[in-house]
C-alpha atoms as a PDB file:
ATOM      1  CA  UNK A   1      98.969  88.963 101.324  1.00  0.00           C
ATOM      2  CA  UNK A   2      95.598  90.801 101.440  1.00  0.00           C
ATOM      3  CA  UNK A   3      95.682  91.022 105.264  1.00  0.00           C
ATOM      4  CA  UNK A   4      99.241  92.452 105.179  1.00  0.00           C
ATOM      5  CA  UNK A   5      98.320  94.980 102.545  1.00  0.00           C
ATOM      6  CA  UNK A   6      95.177  96.011 104.510  1.00  0.00           C
ATOM      7  CA  UNK A   7      97.177  96.507 107.753  1.00  0.00           C
ATOM      8  CA  UNK A   8      99.825  98.450 105.842  1.00  0.00           C
ATOM      9  CA  UNK A   9      97.178 100.720 104.305  1.00  0.00           C
ATOM     10  CA  UNK A  10      95.266 101.210 107.578  1.00  0.00           C
ATOM     11  CA  UNK A  11      98.467 101.971 109.455  1.00  0.00           C
ATOM     12  CA  UNK A  12      99.506 104.519 106.806  1.00  0.00           C
ATOM     13  CA  UNK A  13      96.096 106.150 106.996  1.00  0.00           C
ATOM     14  CA  UNK A  14      96.209 106.377 110.796  1.00  0.00           C
ATOM     15  CA  UNK A  15      99.706 107.822 110.808  1.00  0.00           C
ATOM     16  CA  UNK A  16      98.725 110.564 108.381  1.00  0.00           C
ATOM     17  CA  UNK A  17      95.240 111.437 109.667  1.00  0.00           C
ATOM     18  CA  UNK A  18      95.106 110.759 113.404  1.00  0.00           C
ATOM     19  CA  UNK A  19      96.473 112.657 116.343  1.00  0.00           C
ATOM     20  CA  UNK A  20      98.341 109.785 118.052  1.00  0.00           C
ATOM     21  CA  UNK A  21     100.180 109.636 121.315  1.00  0.00           C
ATOM     22  CA  UNK A  22     103.880 108.871 120.959  1.00  0.00           C
ATOM     23  CA  UNK A  23     103.522 105.237 121.994  1.00  0.00           C
ATOM     24  CA  UNK A  24     100.561 104.679 119.665  1.00  0.00           C
ATOM     25  CA  UNK A  25     102.392 106.370 116.828  1.00  0.00           C
ATOM     26  CA  UNK A  26     105.450 104.205 117.351  1.00  0.00           C
ATOM     27  CA  UNK A  27     103.424 100.987 117.423  1.00  0.00           C
ATOM     28  CA  UNK A  28     101.398 101.866 114.330  1.00  0.00           C
ATOM     29  CA  UNK A  29     104.476 103.176 112.436  1.00  0.00           C
ATOM     30  CA  UNK A  30     106.394  99.937 113.231  1.00  0.00           C
ATOM     31  CA  UNK A  31     103.465  97.929 112.017  1.00  0.00           C
ATOM     32  CA  UNK A  32     103.292  99.967 108.812  1.00  0.00           C
ATOM     33  CA  UNK A  33     106.982  99.466 108.091  1.00  0.00           C
ATOM     34  CA  UNK A  34     106.908  95.731 108.966  1.00  0.00           C
ATOM     35  CA  UNK A  35     103.868  94.947 106.809  1.00  0.00           C
ATOM     36  CA  UNK A  36     105.021  97.229 104.040  1.00  0.00           C
ATOM     37  CA  UNK A  37     108.418  95.543 103.758  1.00  0.00           C
ATOM     38  CA  UNK A  38     106.729  92.123 103.828  1.00  0.00           C
ATOM     39  CA  UNK A  39     104.452  93.200 100.974  1.00  0.00           C
ATOM     40  CA  UNK A  40     107.272  94.449  98.705  1.00  0.00           C
ATOM     41  CA  UNK A  41     109.261  91.342  99.435  1.00  0.00           C
ATOM     42  CA  UNK A  42     106.277  89.174  98.372  1.00  0.00           C
ATOM     43  CA  UNK A  43     105.472  91.261  95.275  1.00  0.00           C
ATOM     44  CA  UNK A  44     108.958  91.878  93.822  1.00  0.00           C
ATOM     45  CA  UNK A  45     111.780  89.582  92.772  1.00  0.00           C
ATOM     46  CA  UNK A  46     114.707  89.809  95.225  1.00  0.00           C
ATOM     47  CA  UNK A  47     116.857  91.046  92.378  1.00  0.00           C
ATOM     48  CA  UNK A  48     114.756  94.216  92.160  1.00  0.00           C
ATOM     49  CA  UNK A  49     115.131  94.875  95.873  1.00  0.00           C
ATOM     50  CA  UNK A  50     118.807  93.884  96.235  1.00  0.00           C
ATOM     51  CA  UNK A  51     119.849  95.975  93.203  1.00  0.00           C
ATOM     52  CA  UNK A  52     117.560  98.919  94.032  1.00  0.00           C
ATOM     53  CA  UNK A  53     115.823  98.822  90.663  1.00  0.00           C
ATOM     54  CA  UNK A  54     113.598 101.719  91.603  1.00  0.00           C
ATOM     55  CA  UNK A  55     112.267 102.150  88.055  1.00  0.00           C
ATOM     56  CA  UNK A  56     110.488  98.768  88.456  1.00  0.00           C
ATOM     57  CA  UNK A  57     108.503  99.826  91.457  1.00  0.00           C
ATOM     58  CA  UNK A  58     104.949 101.162  91.234  1.00  0.00           C
ATOM     59  CA  UNK A  59     104.995 104.026  93.672  1.00  0.00           C
ATOM     60  CA  UNK A  60     107.005 106.380  95.909  1.00  0.00           C
ATOM     61  CA  UNK A  61     105.705 104.479  98.892  1.00  0.00           C
ATOM     62  CA  UNK A  62     107.256 101.250  97.601  1.00  0.00           C
ATOM     63  CA  UNK A  63     110.521 103.101  96.976  1.00  0.00           C
ATOM     64  CA  UNK A  64     110.390 104.399 100.542  1.00  0.00           C
ATOM     65  CA  UNK A  65     109.739 100.866 101.875  1.00  0.00           C
ATOM     66  CA  UNK A  66     112.533  99.401  99.806  1.00  0.00           C
ATOM     67  CA  UNK A  67     115.070 101.846 101.241  1.00  0.00           C
ATOM     68  CA  UNK A  68     113.777 101.290 104.761  1.00  0.00           C
ATOM     69  CA  UNK A  69     114.209  97.526 104.259  1.00  0.00           C
ATOM     70  CA  UNK A  70     117.830  98.220 103.338  1.00  0.00           C
ATOM     71  CA  UNK A  71     118.325  99.947 106.684  1.00  0.00           C
ATOM     72  CA  UNK A  72     117.781  96.672 108.524  1.00  0.00           C
ATOM     73  CA  UNK A  73     120.963  95.282 106.990  1.00  0.00           C
ATOM     74  CA  UNK A  74     123.041  98.435 107.349  1.00  0.00           C
ATOM     75  CA  UNK A  75     122.733  99.297 111.025  1.00  0.00           C
ATOM     76  CA  UNK A  76     126.313  98.333 111.756  1.00  0.00           C
ATOM     77  CA  UNK A  77     127.745 100.706 109.155  1.00  0.00           C
ATOM     78  CA  UNK A  78     126.756 104.293 110.052  1.00  0.00           C
ATOM     79  CA  UNK A  79     127.517 105.681 106.528  1.00  0.00           C
ATOM     80  CA  UNK A  80     125.258 103.128 104.838  1.00  0.00           C
ATOM     81  CA  UNK A  81     122.586 103.682 107.444  1.00  0.00           C
ATOM     82  CA  UNK A  82     122.575 107.480 106.878  1.00  0.00           C
ATOM     83  CA  UNK A  83     122.668 106.950 103.085  1.00  0.00           C
ATOM     84  CA  UNK A  84     119.520 104.770 103.115  1.00  0.00           C
ATOM     85  CA  UNK A  85     117.733 106.893 105.627  1.00  0.00           C
ATOM     86  CA  UNK A  86     118.273 109.929 103.419  1.00  0.00           C
ATOM     87  CA  UNK A  87     117.183 108.007 100.321  1.00  0.00           C
ATOM     88  CA  UNK A  88     114.038 106.827 102.089  1.00  0.00           C
ATOM     89  CA  UNK A  89     112.985 110.370 103.013  1.00  0.00           C
ATOM     90  CA  UNK A  90     113.820 111.708  99.539  1.00  0.00           C
ATOM     91  CA  UNK A  91     111.669 109.014  97.917  1.00  0.00           C
ATOM     92  CA  UNK A  92     108.442 110.301  99.449  1.00  0.00           C
ATOM     93  CA  UNK A  93     107.132 113.334  97.629  1.00  0.00           C
ATOM     94  CA  UNK A  94     105.673 115.026 100.747  1.00  0.00           C
ATOM     95  CA  UNK A  95     109.122 115.128 102.336  1.00  0.00           C
ATOM     96  CA  UNK A  96     110.602 117.206  99.522  1.00  0.00           C
END
């Protein structure tokens, strides 16, 4: 868990602070999303994630990752995909 959390934090830092080429950005962003989702799935009971109990999460970042994790299951339904994409962006305060 510590390694995943470290990789998630480092990836987040690099995305925000570094001037990355498109391919580098994509690789690091995908790693951030992957490790972030793994972390919230290890920390929280599946009931919290499945029922979107946002009030039980610790941060906007965890809310963002929860909604992004829901995108994985909604790709076949465009309306659900758009709904969770919008929720994920709205959850991060610097996107407001």
